[in-house]
Amino acid sequence: MRMRWTIGVAVGLIVLVPTIHGLVSAQGCGKCDGAPIKEDQPVPKKRSEVKKIPGAVLGTVTVPAPTPPPGTPPPPTPAHPPEEPDHEYDTFSFFLIPTLDWEIQNHGELPRLHEAFQDFSGQIGGRHLAVWFTGANIHGVDTGRNQIFCRRFNLPFEQGPYVVMMRKHPDDLKQTDQVLTIQLNDINAARVMNVLKVLVEDLHSGAAIHEQAIELERLMQIFLSAKDRKGLGGIAIALVKPPR
């Protein structure tokens, strides 16, 4: 059964803040694209759908060209850079902030947290989409829609924020599928960024970007190893199944 991603907005003033809406940096993102999803927008399946979202970030991989011999004329500059062909995403990650109190206490760090989440998601490999639900309150995060997603996976609000990863679009998940969750247990944004940085260090191998998506079971083992070795107290990592 497909789930409609809608959220009712309570009566009140809504201020849209452009610097908070976007995933502000694609640096270190590899092939990861980022989508700030607002209000009743569906979670995209294809890159062509992400391109239509204001504030979306399309990650690219830059490979330095070999140094030409002395005296070689520079290559002509194309009038329009080639576009990457459209494709469906094969991995998804979501950063979920289900409580307004946490968001208010950490709202000054949200742009930097966007960057850390985007960098983290770019290391998972494959054709990856990083999603941040945004725009339903004055601080730039759609708390209500985050709560809908947390309810779907039985994630207690007070134990968030969460990073949730899956190998299928959320509308296509079956009971036999697995979802990887990182439960951040109300730690502040600065500590969340440190956790994501440590996990990225264990995922990243030199300058290489993973071409294939890492299996969720392997991801969990990498994260658990990093948690034990680096002393990342206050977080929990688990594989869960979608509820019936």
C-alpha atoms as a PDB file:
ATOM      1  CA  MET A   1       0.000   0.000   0.000  1.00  0.00           C
ATOM      2  CA  ARG A   2       1.377   3.407  -1.003  1.00  0.00           C
ATOM      3  CA  MET A   3       1.526   6.002   1.698  1.00  0.00           C
ATOM      4  CA  ARG A   4       0.586   9.632   1.007  1.00  0.00           C
ATOM      5  CA  TRP A   5       3.038  12.030   2.593  1.00  0.00           C
ATOM      6  CA  THR A   6       0.814  14.866   3.764  1.00  0.00           C
ATOM      7  CA  ILE A   7       0.780  17.073   6.814  1.00  0.00           C
ATOM      8  CA  GLY A   8      -1.815  19.446   8.144  1.00  0.00           C
ATOM      9  CA  VAL A   9      -0.467  22.817   9.301  1.00  0.00           C
ATOM     10  CA  ALA A  10      -1.858  24.331  12.486  1.00  0.00           C
ATOM     11  CA  VAL A  11      -3.077  27.929  12.402  1.00  0.00           C
ATOM     12  CA  GLY A  12      -0.163  30.302  12.865  1.00  0.00           C
ATOM     13  CA  LEU A  13       2.537  32.289  11.146  1.00  0.00           C
ATOM     14  CA  ILE A  14       4.706  30.382   8.709  1.00  0.00           C
ATOM     15  CA  VAL A  15       7.968  32.013   7.689  1.00  0.00           C
ATOM     16  CA  LEU A  16       9.977  30.389   4.919  1.00  0.00           C
ATOM     17  CA  VAL A  17      13.736  30.818   5.401  1.00  0.00           C
ATOM     18  CA  PRO A  18      15.664  30.066   2.161  1.00  0.00           C
ATOM     19  CA  THR A  19      19.046  29.462   3.862  1.00  0.00           C
ATOM     20  CA  ILE A  20      17.480  26.753   6.034  1.00  0.00           C
ATOM     21  CA  HIS A  21      15.395  25.081   3.318  1.00  0.00           C
ATOM     22  CA  GLY A  22      18.229  23.893   1.109  1.00  0.00           C
ATOM     23  CA  LEU A  23      20.794  21.268   1.774  1.00  0.00           C
ATOM     24  CA  VAL A  24      23.380  24.001   1.734  1.00  0.00           C
ATOM     25  CA  SER A  25      26.497  22.261   0.445  1.00  0.00           C
ATOM     26  CA  ALA A  26      27.245  19.426  -1.947  1.00  0.00           C
ATOM     27  CA  GLN A  27      30.977  19.399  -1.198  1.00  0.00           C
ATOM     28  CA  GLY A  28      32.192  15.901  -0.352  1.00  0.00           C
ATOM     29  CA  CYS A  29      28.845  14.573  -1.515  1.00  0.00           C
ATOM     30  CA  GLY A  30      30.039  12.106  -4.129  1.00  0.00           C
ATOM     31  CA  LYS A  31      27.069  11.054  -6.239  1.00  0.00           C
ATOM     32  CA  CYS A  32      24.568  11.860  -3.529  1.00  0.00           C
ATOM     33  CA  ASP A  33      21.698  14.191  -4.410  1.00  0.00           C
ATOM     34  CA  GLY A  34      19.849  16.157  -1.732  1.00  0.00           C
ATOM     35  CA  ALA A  35      16.165  17.049  -1.641  1.00  0.00           C
ATOM     36  CA  PRO A  36      14.532  19.446   0.832  1.00  0.00           C
ATOM     37  CA  ILE A  37      10.949  18.149   0.723  1.00  0.00           C
ATOM     38  CA  LYS A  38       8.192  20.580   1.736  1.00  0.00           C
ATOM     39  CA  GLU A  39       4.562  20.161   2.755  1.00  0.00           C
ATOM     40  CA  ASP A  40       2.799  17.501   0.633  1.00  0.00           C
ATOM     41  CA  GLN A  41       5.539  16.920  -1.936  1.00  0.00           C
ATOM     42  CA  PRO A  42       6.140  13.200  -2.532  1.00  0.00           C
ATOM     43  CA  VAL A  43       9.554  11.680  -1.941  1.00  0.00           C
ATOM     44  CA  PRO A  44      11.178  11.602  -5.408  1.00  0.00           C
ATOM     45  CA  LYS A  45      12.145   8.357  -7.105  1.00  0.00           C
ATOM     46  CA  LYS A  46      14.046   9.828 -10.060  1.00  0.00           C
ATOM     47  CA  ARG A  47      16.724  12.462 -10.531  1.00  0.00           C
ATOM     48  CA  SER A  48      14.496  14.327 -12.980  1.00  0.00           C
ATOM     49  CA  GLU A  49      11.943  14.765 -10.163  1.00  0.00           C
ATOM     50  CA  VAL A  50      14.603  16.153  -7.783  1.00  0.00           C
ATOM     51  CA  LYS A  51      15.657  18.747 -10.363  1.00  0.00           C
ATOM     52  CA  LYS A  52      12.213  20.349 -10.055  1.00  0.00           C
ATOM     53  CA  ILE A  53      12.502  20.872  -6.276  1.00  0.00           C
ATOM     54  CA  PRO A  54      13.613  24.367  -5.161  1.00  0.00           C
ATOM     55  CA  GLY A  55      16.818  24.179  -3.136  1.00  0.00           C
ATOM     56  CA  ALA A  56      17.738  20.662  -4.297  1.00  0.00           C
ATOM     57  CA  VAL A  57      21.422  19.748  -4.465  1.00  0.00           C
ATOM     58  CA  LEU A  58      22.693  17.556  -7.296  1.00  0.00           C
ATOM     59  CA  GLY A  59      25.995  16.005  -6.319  1.00  0.00           C
ATOM     60  CA  THR A  60      28.708  15.280  -8.884  1.00  0.00           C
ATOM     61  CA  VAL A  61      32.012  13.454  -8.920  1.00  0.00           C
ATOM     62  CA  THR A  62      34.934  15.519 -10.176  1.00  0.00           C
ATOM     63  CA  VAL A  63      37.840  13.569 -11.669  1.00  0.00           C
ATOM     64  CA  PRO A  64      40.952  15.709 -12.403  1.00  0.00           C
ATOM     65  CA  ALA A  65      42.091  15.555 -16.031  1.00  0.00           C
ATOM     66  CA  PRO A  66      45.686  14.470 -16.722  1.00  0.00           C
ATOM     67  CA  THR A  67      48.173  17.307 -17.177  1.00  0.00           C
ATOM     68  CA  PRO A  68      48.650  17.964 -20.945  1.00  0.00           C
ATOM     69  CA  PRO A  69      52.145  18.282 -22.441  1.00  0.00           C
ATOM     70  CA  PRO A  70      53.594  21.817 -22.606  1.00  0.00           C
ATOM     71  CA  GLY A  71      52.271  23.840 -25.527  1.00  0.00           C
ATOM     72  CA  THR A  72      49.022  21.871 -25.843  1.00  0.00           C
ATOM     73  CA  PRO A  73      46.140  24.257 -26.617  1.00  0.00           C
ATOM     74  CA  PRO A  74      43.319  24.232 -24.065  1.00  0.00           C
ATOM     75  CA  PRO A  75      40.255  22.185 -24.998  1.00  0.00           C
ATOM     76  CA  PRO A  76      37.193  24.101 -26.156  1.00  0.00           C
ATOM     77  CA  THR A  77      34.669  24.961 -23.480  1.00  0.00           C
ATOM     78  CA  PRO A  78      31.282  23.349 -24.212  1.00  0.00           C
ATOM     79  CA  ALA A  79      28.379  25.766 -24.493  1.00  0.00           C
ATOM     80  CA  HIS A  80      26.337  23.588 -22.165  1.00  0.00           C
ATOM     81  CA  PRO A  81      27.866  21.018 -19.786  1.00  0.00           C
ATOM     82  CA  PRO A  82      26.526  17.499 -20.387  1.00  0.00           C
ATOM     83  CA  GLU A  83      23.729  16.422 -18.065  1.00  0.00           C
ATOM     84  CA  GLU A  84      23.825  13.124 -16.207  1.00  0.00           C
ATOM     85  CA  PRO A  85      21.131  10.816 -17.589  1.00  0.00           C
ATOM     86  CA  ASP A  86      17.967  10.459 -15.577  1.00  0.00           C
ATOM     87  CA  HIS A  87      17.923   7.510 -13.185  1.00  0.00           C
ATOM     88  CA  GLU A  88      15.990   6.043 -10.291  1.00  0.00           C
ATOM     89  CA  TYR A  89      17.632   6.100  -6.859  1.00  0.00           C
ATOM     90  CA  ASP A  90      18.664   2.799  -5.319  1.00  0.00           C
ATOM     91  CA  THR A  91      19.376   4.073  -1.782  1.00  0.00           C
ATOM     92  CA  PHE A  92      17.685   6.703   0.368  1.00  0.00           C
ATOM     93  CA  SER A  93      18.567   8.374   3.656  1.00  0.00           C
ATOM     94  CA  PHE A  94      16.354  10.591   5.805  1.00  0.00           C
ATOM     95  CA  PHE A  95      17.309  12.909   8.650  1.00  0.00           C
ATOM     96  CA  LEU A  96      14.353  13.020  11.034  1.00  0.00           C
ATOM     97  CA  ILE A  97      13.812  15.641  13.745  1.00  0.00           C
ATOM     98  CA  PRO A  98      10.514  14.622  15.373  1.00  0.00           C
ATOM     99  CA  THR A  99      10.428  17.054  18.333  1.00  0.00           C
ATOM    100  CA  LEU A 100      10.043  20.820  18.128  1.00  0.00           C
ATOM    101  CA  ASP A 101      11.985  21.305  21.391  1.00  0.00           C
ATOM    102  CA  TRP A 102      15.156  19.757  19.898  1.00  0.00           C
ATOM    103  CA  GLU A 103      14.783  21.831  16.776  1.00  0.00           C
ATOM    104  CA  ILE A 104      14.365  25.093  18.704  1.00  0.00           C
ATOM    105  CA  GLN A 105      17.354  24.340  20.949  1.00  0.00           C
ATOM    106  CA  ASN A 106      19.575  23.570  17.946  1.00  0.00           C
ATOM    107  CA  HIS A 107      18.159  25.768  15.179  1.00  0.00           C
ATOM    108  CA  GLY A 108      21.343  27.837  14.903  1.00  0.00           C
ATOM    109  CA  GLU A 109      23.282  24.713  13.894  1.00  0.00           C
ATOM    110  CA  LEU A 110      20.782  23.429  11.319  1.00  0.00           C
ATOM    111  CA  PRO A 111      22.650  24.708   8.227  1.00  0.00           C
ATOM    112  CA  ARG A 112      25.867  22.990   9.370  1.00  0.00           C
ATOM    113  CA  LEU A 113      23.906  19.870  10.259  1.00  0.00           C
ATOM    114  CA  HIS A 114      22.492  19.844   6.719  1.00  0.00           C
ATOM    115  CA  GLU A 115      26.037  19.822   5.388  1.00  0.00           C
ATOM    116  CA  ALA A 116      27.150  17.022   7.716  1.00  0.00           C
ATOM    117  CA  PHE A 117      24.151  14.870   6.782  1.00  0.00           C
ATOM    118  CA  GLN A 118      24.739  15.482   3.079  1.00  0.00           C
ATOM    119  CA  ASP A 119      28.410  14.519   3.365  1.00  0.00           C
ATOM    120  CA  PHE A 120      27.512  11.409   5.360  1.00  0.00           C
ATOM    121  CA  SER A 121      24.886  10.328   2.812  1.00  0.00           C
ATOM    122  CA  GLY A 122      27.312  10.790  -0.064  1.00  0.00           C
ATOM    123  CA  GLN A 123      29.545   8.014   1.288  1.00  0.00           C
ATOM    124  CA  ILE A 124      26.873   5.297   1.246  1.00  0.00           C
ATOM    125  CA  GLY A 125      27.325   4.701  -2.468  1.00  0.00           C
ATOM    126  CA  GLY A 126      25.054   3.936  -5.359  1.00  0.00           C
ATOM    127  CA  ARG A 127      22.549   6.423  -6.702  1.00  0.00           C
ATOM    128  CA  HIS A 128      21.656   7.966  -3.401  1.00  0.00           C
ATOM    129  CA  LEU A 129      19.079  10.571  -2.360  1.00  0.00           C
ATOM    130  CA  ALA A 130      19.382  12.381   0.982  1.00  0.00           C
ATOM    131  CA  VAL A 131      16.039  13.773   2.185  1.00  0.00           C
ATOM    132  CA  TRP A 132      15.341  16.513   4.731  1.00  0.00           C
ATOM    133  CA  PHE A 133      11.681  17.390   5.399  1.00  0.00           C
ATOM    134  CA  THR A 134      11.416  21.157   5.604  1.00  0.00           C
ATOM    135  CA  GLY A 135       9.162  24.162   5.730  1.00  0.00           C
ATOM    136  CA  ALA A 136       6.210  23.608   8.059  1.00  0.00           C
ATOM    137  CA  ASN A 137       7.289  25.898  10.905  1.00  0.00           C
ATOM    138  CA  ILE A 138       9.326  29.043  11.478  1.00  0.00           C
ATOM    139  CA  HIS A 139      12.558  27.148  12.164  1.00  0.00           C
ATOM    140  CA  GLY A 140      12.663  25.418   8.780  1.00  0.00           C
ATOM    141  CA  VAL A 141      11.957  21.773   9.665  1.00  0.00           C
ATOM    142  CA  ASP A 142       8.637  20.037   9.007  1.00  0.00           C
ATOM    143  CA  THR A 143       8.254  18.494  12.450  1.00  0.00           C
ATOM    144  CA  GLY A 144       4.851  17.023  11.662  1.00  0.00           C
ATOM    145  CA  ARG A 145       6.039  15.142   8.609  1.00  0.00           C
ATOM    146  CA  ASN A 146       9.090  13.888  10.468  1.00  0.00           C
ATOM    147  CA  GLN A 147       6.711  12.514  13.101  1.00  0.00           C
ATOM    148  CA  ILE A 148       4.643  10.729  10.441  1.00  0.00           C
ATOM    149  CA  PHE A 149       7.780   8.997   9.202  1.00  0.00           C
ATOM    150  CA  CYS A 150       8.887   8.093  12.733  1.00  0.00           C
ATOM    151  CA  ARG A 151       5.468   6.587  13.499  1.00  0.00           C
ATOM    152  CA  ARG A 152       5.721   4.487  10.369  1.00  0.00           C
ATOM    153  CA  PHE A 153       8.896   2.813  11.715  1.00  0.00           C
ATOM    154  CA  ASN A 154       7.910   2.844  15.398  1.00  0.00           C
ATOM    155  CA  LEU A 155      10.653   5.335  16.300  1.00  0.00           C
ATOM    156  CA  PRO A 156       9.906   7.115  19.623  1.00  0.00           C
ATOM    157  CA  PHE A 157       9.990  10.884  19.189  1.00  0.00           C
ATOM    158  CA  GLU A 158      11.932  11.534  22.391  1.00  0.00           C
ATOM    159  CA  GLN A 159      14.804   9.266  21.282  1.00  0.00           C
ATOM    160  CA  GLY A 160      15.473  11.232  18.083  1.00  0.00           C
ATOM    161  CA  PRO A 161      16.842  12.728  15.967  1.00  0.00           C
ATOM    162  CA  TYR A 162      17.281   9.775  13.632  1.00  0.00           C
ATOM    163  CA  VAL A 163      19.113   8.915  10.454  1.00  0.00           C
ATOM    164  CA  VAL A 164      17.090   6.308   8.542  1.00  0.00           C
ATOM    165  CA  MET A 165      18.501   4.467   5.522  1.00  0.00           C
ATOM    166  CA  MET A 166      16.819   2.105   3.079  1.00  0.00           C
ATOM    167  CA  ARG A 167      17.544   0.366  -0.214  1.00  0.00           C
ATOM    168  CA  LYS A 168      14.121   1.119  -1.700  1.00  0.00           C
ATOM    169  CA  HIS A 169      11.833   4.077  -2.033  1.00  0.00           C
ATOM    170  CA  PRO A 170       9.714   4.227   1.162  1.00  0.00           C
ATOM    171  CA  ASP A 171       6.507   3.622  -0.810  1.00  0.00           C
ATOM    172  CA  ASP A 172       7.956   0.371  -2.199  1.00  0.00           C
ATOM    173  CA  LEU A 173       9.106  -1.202   1.083  1.00  0.00           C
ATOM    174  CA  LYS A 174       7.790  -4.658   1.925  1.00  0.00           C
ATOM    175  CA  GLN A 175       7.656  -6.475   5.239  1.00  0.00           C
ATOM    176  CA  THR A 176      10.668  -8.543   4.239  1.00  0.00           C
ATOM    177  CA  ASP A 177      12.837  -5.460   3.630  1.00  0.00           C
ATOM    178  CA  GLN A 178      15.205  -3.926   6.166  1.00  0.00           C
ATOM    179  CA  VAL A 179      15.710  -0.342   7.279  1.00  0.00           C
ATOM    180  CA  LEU A 180      18.852   0.853   9.072  1.00  0.00           C
ATOM    181  CA  THR A 181      18.289   3.373  11.860  1.00  0.00           C
ATOM    182  CA  ILE A 182      20.769   5.506  13.805  1.00  0.00           C
ATOM    183  CA  GLN A 183      19.048   6.661  16.981  1.00  0.00           C
ATOM    184  CA  LEU A 184      20.720   9.806  18.331  1.00  0.00           C
ATOM    185  CA  ASN A 185      18.932   9.928  21.698  1.00  0.00           C
ATOM    186  CA  ASP A 186      18.466  13.687  22.078  1.00  0.00           C
ATOM    187  CA  ILE A 187      22.171  14.560  21.810  1.00  0.00           C
ATOM    188  CA  ASN A 188      22.745  18.126  20.621  1.00  0.00           C
ATOM    189  CA  ALA A 189      23.520  19.129  17.039  1.00  0.00           C
ATOM    190  CA  ALA A 190      27.259  19.518  17.655  1.00  0.00           C
ATOM    191  CA  ARG A 191      27.488  15.923  18.911  1.00  0.00           C
ATOM    192  CA  VAL A 192      25.302  14.705  16.028  1.00  0.00           C
ATOM    193  CA  MET A 193      27.741  16.298  13.573  1.00  0.00           C
ATOM    194  CA  ASN A 194      30.640  14.587  15.330  1.00  0.00           C
ATOM    195  CA  VAL A 195      28.893  11.216  15.122  1.00  0.00           C
ATOM    196  CA  LEU A 196      28.266  11.673  11.389  1.00  0.00           C
ATOM    197  CA  LYS A 197      31.882  12.767  10.864  1.00  0.00           C
ATOM    198  CA  VAL A 198      33.241   9.677  12.625  1.00  0.00           C
ATOM    199  CA  LEU A 199      30.966   7.377  10.624  1.00  0.00           C
ATOM    200  CA  VAL A 200      31.986   9.085   7.369  1.00  0.00           C
ATOM    201  CA  GLU A 201      35.661   8.504   8.228  1.00  0.00           C
ATOM    202  CA  ASP A 202      34.989   4.788   8.459  1.00  0.00           C
ATOM    203  CA  LEU A 203      32.996   4.734   5.215  1.00  0.00           C
ATOM    204  CA  HIS A 204      35.381   6.841   3.162  1.00  0.00           C
ATOM    205  CA  SER A 205      38.393   5.111   1.639  1.00  0.00           C
ATOM    206  CA  GLY A 206      40.953   7.627   0.428  1.00  0.00           C
ATOM    207  CA  ALA A 207      39.464   9.695  -2.370  1.00  0.00           C
ATOM    208  CA  ALA A 208      37.356   6.845  -3.722  1.00  0.00           C
ATOM    209  CA  ILE A 209      33.584   7.063  -3.941  1.00  0.00           C
ATOM    210  CA  HIS A 210      31.648   3.813  -3.651  1.00  0.00           C
ATOM    211  CA  GLU A 211      30.113   3.003  -7.045  1.00  0.00           C
ATOM    212  CA  GLN A 212      27.851   0.334  -5.608  1.00  0.00           C
ATOM    213  CA  ALA A 213      25.519   0.868  -2.691  1.00  0.00           C
ATOM    214  CA  ILE A 214      26.753  -0.743   0.520  1.00  0.00           C
ATOM    215  CA  GLU A 215      24.423  -3.416   1.861  1.00  0.00           C
ATOM    216  CA  LEU A 216      22.590  -2.377   5.017  1.00  0.00           C
ATOM    217  CA  GLU A 217      23.971  -5.282   7.035  1.00  0.00           C
ATOM    218  CA  ARG A 218      27.524  -4.241   6.110  1.00  0.00           C
ATOM    219  CA  LEU A 219      26.735  -0.620   6.929  1.00  0.00           C
ATOM    220  CA  MET A 220      25.473  -1.631  10.357  1.00  0.00           C
ATOM    221  CA  GLN A 221      28.676  -3.576  11.098  1.00  0.00           C
ATOM    222  CA  ILE A 222      30.821  -0.605  10.007  1.00  0.00           C
ATOM    223  CA  PHE A 223      28.824   1.761  12.183  1.00  0.00           C
ATOM    224  CA  LEU A 224      28.825  -0.538  15.212  1.00  0.00           C
ATOM    225  CA  SER A 225      32.588  -0.998  14.904  1.00  0.00           C
ATOM    226  CA  ALA A 226      33.104   2.768  14.696  1.00  0.00           C
ATOM    227  CA  LYS A 227      30.798   3.294  17.663  1.00  0.00           C
ATOM    228  CA  ASP A 228      32.789   0.883  19.829  1.00  0.00           C
ATOM    229  CA  ARG A 229      36.240   2.046  18.722  1.00  0.00           C
ATOM    230  CA  LYS A 230      35.554   5.789  18.835  1.00  0.00           C
ATOM    231  CA  GLY A 231      33.448   5.809  22.011  1.00  0.00           C
ATOM    232  CA  LEU A 232      30.255   7.140  20.445  1.00  0.00           C
ATOM    233  CA  GLY A 233      28.097   6.890  23.522  1.00  0.00           C
ATOM    234  CA  GLY A 234      24.488   7.964  23.482  1.00  0.00           C
ATOM    235  CA  ILE A 235      23.515   6.488  20.111  1.00  0.00           C
ATOM    236  CA  ALA A 236      21.934   3.212  19.047  1.00  0.00           C
ATOM    237  CA  ILE A 237      22.205   1.481  15.659  1.00  0.00           C
ATOM    238  CA  ALA A 238      19.796  -1.198  14.507  1.00  0.00           C
ATOM    239  CA  LEU A 239      18.192  -2.903  11.530  1.00  0.00           C
ATOM    240  CA  VAL A 240      14.398  -2.852  11.676  1.00  0.00           C
ATOM    241  CA  LYS A 241      11.633  -4.110   9.428  1.00  0.00           C
ATOM    242  CA  PRO A 242       8.744  -1.991   8.186  1.00  0.00           C
ATOM    243  CA  PRO A 243       5.629  -2.607  10.294  1.00  0.00           C
ATOM    244  CA  ARG A 244       2.752  -4.469   8.751  1.00  0.00           C
END
